[in-house]
Amino acid sequence: MGVRLRDAKERVLDLEAAVVDKTKAAARATDDFVHEQPWKAVGVAAALGLALGVLIGRR
């Protein structure tokens, strides 16, 4: 039982590291996009905010 638990813990830690790496990569990509295309980023944020407002307002 101890070996299985240790293996499961290693898999969880590996998965956590992979998720952290992917999250950091996504944050870097977003930061790069915002710096390269600030007005597009503002437009995307406004469109998402409007869509979210419409969806929430329907309830």
PDB file of N, CA and C in Angstrom:
ATOM      1  N   MET A   1       0.826  -1.193   0.000  1.00  0.00           N
ATOM      2  CA  MET A   1       0.000   0.000   0.000  1.00  0.00           C
ATOM      3  C   MET A   1       0.866   1.251   0.000  1.00  0.00           C
ATOM      4  N   GLY A   2       1.962   1.245   0.715  1.00  0.00           N
ATOM      5  CA  GLY A   2       2.831   2.410   0.784  1.00  0.00           C
ATOM      6  C   GLY A   2       3.432   2.762  -0.561  1.00  0.00           C
ATOM      7  N   VAL A   3       3.763   1.742  -1.357  1.00  0.00           N
ATOM      8  CA  VAL A   3       4.348   1.979  -2.678  1.00  0.00           C
ATOM      9  C   VAL A   3       3.317   2.626  -3.595  1.00  0.00           C
ATOM     10  N   ARG A   4       2.103   2.129  -3.550  1.00  0.00           N
ATOM     11  CA  ARG A   4       1.048   2.707  -4.398  1.00  0.00           C
ATOM     12  C   ARG A   4       0.767   4.152  -4.016  1.00  0.00           C
ATOM     13  N   LEU A   5       0.764   4.419  -2.723  1.00  0.00           N
ATOM     14  CA  LEU A   5       0.527   5.781  -2.250  1.00  0.00           C
ATOM     15  C   LEU A   5       1.659   6.708  -2.691  1.00  0.00           C
ATOM     16  N   ARG A   6       2.885   6.227  -2.589  1.00  0.00           N
ATOM     17  CA  ARG A   6       4.040   7.025  -3.004  1.00  0.00           C
ATOM     18  C   ARG A   6       3.993   7.301  -4.513  1.00  0.00           C
ATOM     19  N   ASP A   7       3.643   6.269  -5.294  1.00  0.00           N
ATOM     20  CA  ASP A   7       3.531   6.449  -6.746  1.00  0.00           C
ATOM     21  C   ASP A   7       2.435   7.455  -7.094  1.00  0.00           C
ATOM     22  N   ALA A   8       1.310   7.357  -6.397  1.00  0.00           N
ATOM     23  CA  ALA A   8       0.214   8.296  -6.652  1.00  0.00           C
ATOM     24  C   ALA A   8       0.640   9.717  -6.301  1.00  0.00           C
ATOM     25  N   LYS A   9       1.359   9.863  -5.196  1.00  0.00           N
ATOM     26  CA  LYS A   9       1.829  11.189  -4.793  1.00  0.00           C
ATOM     27  C   LYS A   9       2.790  11.756  -5.831  1.00  0.00           C
ATOM     28  N   GLU A  10       3.679  10.923  -6.363  1.00  0.00           N
ATOM     29  CA  GLU A  10       4.607  11.377  -7.406  1.00  0.00           C
ATOM     30  C   GLU A  10       3.854  11.822  -8.652  1.00  0.00           C
ATOM     31  N   ARG A  11       2.831  11.063  -9.037  1.00  0.00           N
ATOM     32  CA  ARG A  11       2.040  11.431 -10.217  1.00  0.00           C
ATOM     33  C   ARG A  11       1.324  12.759  -9.999  1.00  0.00           C
ATOM     34  N   VAL A  12       0.791  12.954  -8.808  1.00  0.00           N
ATOM     35  CA  VAL A  12       0.102  14.213  -8.504  1.00  0.00           C
ATOM     36  C   VAL A  12       1.087  15.377  -8.543  1.00  0.00           C
ATOM     37  N   LEU A  13       2.273  15.185  -7.982  1.00  0.00           N
ATOM     38  CA  LEU A  13       3.281  16.247  -7.998  1.00  0.00           C
ATOM     39  C   LEU A  13       3.738  16.559  -9.422  1.00  0.00           C
ATOM     40  N   ASP A  14       3.892  15.518 -10.251  1.00  0.00           N
ATOM     41  CA  ASP A  14       4.256  15.736 -11.652  1.00  0.00           C
ATOM     42  C   ASP A  14       3.156  16.495 -12.385  1.00  0.00           C
ATOM     43  N   LEU A  15       1.916  16.112 -12.126  1.00  0.00           N
ATOM     44  CA  LEU A  15       0.782  16.793 -12.754  1.00  0.00           C
ATOM     45  C   LEU A  15       0.719  18.248 -12.307  1.00  0.00           C
ATOM     46  N   GLU A  16       0.959  18.487 -11.025  1.00  0.00           N
ATOM     47  CA  GLU A  16       0.957  19.856 -10.510  1.00  0.00           C
ATOM     48  C   GLU A  16       2.030  20.694 -11.201  1.00  0.00           C
ATOM     49  N   ALA A  17       3.220  20.133 -11.359  1.00  0.00           N
ATOM     50  CA  ALA A  17       4.310  20.860 -12.015  1.00  0.00           C
ATOM     51  C   ALA A  17       3.948  21.181 -13.460  1.00  0.00           C
ATOM     52  N   ALA A  18       3.318  20.237 -14.148  1.00  0.00           N
ATOM     53  CA  ALA A  18       2.921  20.467 -15.535  1.00  0.00           C
ATOM     54  C   ALA A  18       1.868  21.570 -15.625  1.00  0.00           C
ATOM     55  N   VAL A  19       0.906  21.561 -14.720  1.00  0.00           N
ATOM     56  CA  VAL A  19      -0.140  22.589 -14.722  1.00  0.00           C
ATOM     57  C   VAL A  19       0.458  23.960 -14.434  1.00  0.00           C
ATOM     58  N   VAL A  20       1.378  24.027 -13.488  1.00  0.00           N
ATOM     59  CA  VAL A  20       2.027  25.301 -13.161  1.00  0.00           C
ATOM     60  C   VAL A  20       2.803  25.818 -14.366  1.00  0.00           C
ATOM     61  N   ASP A  21       3.539  24.928 -15.038  1.00  0.00           N
ATOM     62  CA  ASP A  21       4.304  25.341 -16.220  1.00  0.00           C
ATOM     63  C   ASP A  21       3.386  25.863 -17.321  1.00  0.00           C
ATOM     64  N   LYS A  22       2.289  25.161 -17.574  1.00  0.00           N
ATOM     65  CA  LYS A  22       1.358  25.600 -18.620  1.00  0.00           C
ATOM     66  C   LYS A  22       0.691  26.922 -18.254  1.00  0.00           C
ATOM     67  N   THR A  23       0.382  27.095 -16.996  1.00  0.00           N
ATOM     68  CA  THR A  23      -0.232  28.341 -16.546  1.00  0.00           C
ATOM     69  C   THR A  23       0.730  29.508 -16.708  1.00  0.00           C
ATOM     70  N   LYS A  24       1.988  29.290 -16.348  1.00  0.00           N
ATOM     71  CA  LYS A  24       2.994  30.347 -16.510  1.00  0.00           C
ATOM     72  C   LYS A  24       3.199  30.682 -17.981  1.00  0.00           C
ATOM     73  N   ALA A  25       3.192  29.667 -18.846  1.00  0.00           N
ATOM     74  CA  ALA A  25       3.344  29.910 -20.279  1.00  0.00           C
ATOM     75  C   ALA A  25       2.159  30.708 -20.819  1.00  0.00           C
ATOM     76  N   ALA A  26       0.960  30.380 -20.371  1.00  0.00           N
ATOM     77  CA  ALA A  26      -0.230  31.120 -20.807  1.00  0.00           C
ATOM     78  C   ALA A  26      -0.172  32.564 -20.324  1.00  0.00           C
ATOM     79  N   ALA A  27       0.295  32.773 -19.109  1.00  0.00           N
ATOM     80  CA  ALA A  27       0.409  34.135 -18.577  1.00  0.00           C
ATOM     81  C   ALA A  27       1.434  34.935 -19.372  1.00  0.00           C
ATOM     82  N   ARG A  28       2.558  34.302 -19.718  1.00  0.00           N
ATOM     83  CA  ARG A  28       3.574  34.990 -20.529  1.00  0.00           C
ATOM     84  C   ARG A  28       3.025  35.344 -21.911  1.00  0.00           C
ATOM     85  N   ALA A  29       2.307  34.404 -22.519  1.00  0.00           N
ATOM     86  CA  ALA A  29       1.741  34.649 -23.845  1.00  0.00           C
ATOM     87  C   ALA A  29       0.722  35.784 -23.791  1.00  0.00           C
ATOM     88  N   THR A  30      -0.091  35.811 -22.764  1.00  0.00           N
ATOM     89  CA  THR A  30      -1.071  36.883 -22.600  1.00  0.00           C
ATOM     90  C   THR A  30      -0.380  38.221 -22.412  1.00  0.00           C
ATOM     91  N   ASP A  31       0.655  38.242 -21.587  1.00  0.00           N
ATOM     92  CA  ASP A  31       1.404  39.475 -21.346  1.00  0.00           C
ATOM     93  C   ASP A  31       2.038  39.981 -22.640  1.00  0.00           C
ATOM     94  N   ASP A  32       2.619  39.064 -23.413  1.00  0.00           N
ATOM     95  CA  ASP A  32       3.222  39.453 -24.693  1.00  0.00           C
ATOM     96  C   ASP A  32       2.171  40.033 -25.633  1.00  0.00           C
ATOM     97  N   PHE A  33       1.008  39.374 -25.717  1.00  0.00           N
ATOM     98  CA  PHE A  33      -0.055  39.843 -26.603  1.00  0.00           C
ATOM     99  C   PHE A  33      -0.518  41.237 -26.212  1.00  0.00           C
ATOM    100  N   VAL A  34      -0.717  41.444 -24.920  1.00  0.00           N
ATOM    101  CA  VAL A  34      -1.206  42.746 -24.448  1.00  0.00           C
ATOM    102  C   VAL A  34      -0.194  43.842 -24.754  1.00  0.00           C
ATOM    103  N   HIS A  35       1.090  43.537 -24.619  1.00  0.00           N
ATOM    104  CA  HIS A  35       2.104  44.548 -24.909  1.00  0.00           C
ATOM    105  C   HIS A  35       2.254  44.808 -26.409  1.00  0.00           C
ATOM    106  N   GLU A  36       2.053  43.767 -27.227  1.00  0.00           N
ATOM    107  CA  GLU A  36       2.184  43.927 -28.676  1.00  0.00           C
ATOM    108  C   GLU A  36       0.922  44.517 -29.309  1.00  0.00           C
ATOM    109  N   GLN A  37      -0.228  44.206 -28.769  1.00  0.00           N
ATOM    110  CA  GLN A  37      -1.516  44.615 -29.356  1.00  0.00           C
ATOM    111  C   GLN A  37      -2.434  45.184 -28.267  1.00  0.00           C
ATOM    112  N   PRO A  38      -2.091  46.319 -27.684  1.00  0.00           N
ATOM    113  CA  PRO A  38      -2.887  46.802 -26.544  1.00  0.00           C
ATOM    114  C   PRO A  38      -4.343  47.095 -26.895  1.00  0.00           C
ATOM    115  N   TRP A  39      -4.601  47.659 -28.063  1.00  0.00           N
ATOM    116  CA  TRP A  39      -5.985  47.999 -28.396  1.00  0.00           C
ATOM    117  C   TRP A  39      -6.815  46.768 -28.704  1.00  0.00           C
ATOM    118  N   LYS A  40      -6.192  45.755 -29.297  1.00  0.00           N
ATOM    119  CA  LYS A  40      -6.911  44.500 -29.510  1.00  0.00           C
ATOM    120  C   LYS A  40      -7.263  43.875 -28.167  1.00  0.00           C
ATOM    121  N   ALA A  41      -6.330  43.950 -27.224  1.00  0.00           N
ATOM    122  CA  ALA A  41      -6.578  43.390 -25.895  1.00  0.00           C
ATOM    123  C   ALA A  41      -7.740  44.113 -25.217  1.00  0.00           C
ATOM    124  N   VAL A  42      -7.785  45.424 -25.353  1.00  0.00           N
ATOM    125  CA  VAL A  42      -8.889  46.198 -24.777  1.00  0.00           C
ATOM    126  C   VAL A  42     -10.206  45.789 -25.441  1.00  0.00           C
ATOM    127  N   GLY A  43     -10.189  45.629 -26.750  1.00  0.00           N
ATOM    128  CA  GLY A  43     -11.396  45.216 -27.466  1.00  0.00           C
ATOM    129  C   GLY A  43     -11.876  43.837 -27.052  1.00  0.00           C
ATOM    130  N   VAL A  44     -10.941  42.904 -26.917  1.00  0.00           N
ATOM    131  CA  VAL A  44     -11.302  41.549 -26.491  1.00  0.00           C
ATOM    132  C   VAL A  44     -11.888  41.586 -25.083  1.00  0.00           C
ATOM    133  N   ALA A  45     -11.265  42.330 -24.188  1.00  0.00           N
ATOM    134  CA  ALA A  45     -11.765  42.424 -22.814  1.00  0.00           C
ATOM    135  C   ALA A  45     -13.158  43.056 -22.785  1.00  0.00           C
ATOM    136  N   ALA A  46     -13.369  44.088 -23.590  1.00  0.00           N
ATOM    137  CA  ALA A  46     -14.680  44.740 -23.635  1.00  0.00           C
ATOM    138  C   ALA A  46     -15.742  43.792 -24.185  1.00  0.00           C
ATOM    139  N   ALA A  47     -15.399  43.060 -25.230  1.00  0.00           N
ATOM    140  CA  ALA A  47     -16.354  42.121 -25.818  1.00  0.00           C
ATOM    141  C   ALA A  47     -16.708  41.011 -24.828  1.00  0.00           C
ATOM    142  N   LEU A  48     -15.710  40.493 -24.135  1.00  0.00           N
ATOM    143  CA  LEU A  48     -15.979  39.451 -23.144  1.00  0.00           C
ATOM    144  C   LEU A  48     -16.830  39.994 -21.993  1.00  0.00           C
ATOM    145  N   GLY A  49     -16.537  41.210 -21.569  1.00  0.00           N
ATOM    146  CA  GLY A  49     -17.329  41.822 -20.507  1.00  0.00           C
ATOM    147  C   GLY A  49     -18.770  42.033 -20.928  1.00  0.00           C
ATOM    148  N   LEU A  50     -18.963  42.477 -22.157  1.00  0.00           N
ATOM    149  CA  LEU A  50     -20.316  42.679 -22.675  1.00  0.00           C
ATOM    150  C   LEU A  50     -21.069  41.353 -22.756  1.00  0.00           C
ATOM    151  N   ALA A  51     -20.409  40.334 -23.299  1.00  0.00           N
ATOM    152  CA  ALA A  51     -21.047  39.020 -23.417  1.00  0.00           C
ATOM    153  C   ALA A  51     -21.407  38.461 -22.044  1.00  0.00           C
ATOM    154  N   LEU A  52     -20.505  38.598 -21.100  1.00  0.00           N
ATOM    155  CA  LEU A  52     -20.776  38.115 -19.747  1.00  0.00           C
ATOM    156  C   LEU A  52     -21.928  38.893 -19.116  1.00  0.00           C
ATOM    157  N   GLY A  53     -21.961  40.198 -19.337  1.00  0.00           N
ATOM    158  CA  GLY A  53     -23.046  41.017 -18.814  1.00  0.00           C
ATOM    159  C   GLY A  53     -24.392  40.626 -19.396  1.00  0.00           C
ATOM    160  N   VAL A  54     -24.415  40.342 -20.684  1.00  0.00           N
ATOM    161  CA  VAL A  54     -25.662  39.918 -21.329  1.00  0.00           C
ATOM    162  C   VAL A  54     -26.119  38.580 -20.759  1.00  0.00           C
ATOM    163  N   LEU A  55     -25.182  37.651 -20.598  1.00  0.00           N
ATOM    164  CA  LEU A  55     -25.551  36.337 -20.064  1.00  0.00           C
ATOM    165  C   LEU A  55     -26.048  36.426 -18.627  1.00  0.00           C
ATOM    166  N   ILE A  56     -25.396  37.220 -17.819  1.00  0.00           N
ATOM    167  CA  ILE A  56     -25.812  37.361 -16.422  1.00  0.00           C
ATOM    168  C   ILE A  56     -27.131  38.132 -16.337  1.00  0.00           C
ATOM    169  N   GLY A  57     -27.310  39.115 -17.209  1.00  0.00           N
ATOM    170  CA  GLY A  57     -28.522  39.923 -17.195  1.00  0.00           C
ATOM    171  C   GLY A  57     -29.769  39.161 -17.588  1.00  0.00           C
ATOM    172  N   ARG A  58     -29.621  38.044 -18.268  1.00  0.00           N
ATOM    173  CA  ARG A  58     -30.771  37.251 -18.697  1.00  0.00           C
ATOM    174  C   ARG A  58     -31.433  36.517 -17.545  1.00  0.00           C
ATOM    175  N   ARG A  59     -30.725  36.310 -16.481  1.00  0.00           N
ATOM    176  CA  ARG A  59     -31.269  35.507 -15.367  1.00  0.00           C
ATOM    177  C   ARG A  59     -32.188  36.290 -14.534  1.00  0.00           C
TER     178      ARG A  59
END
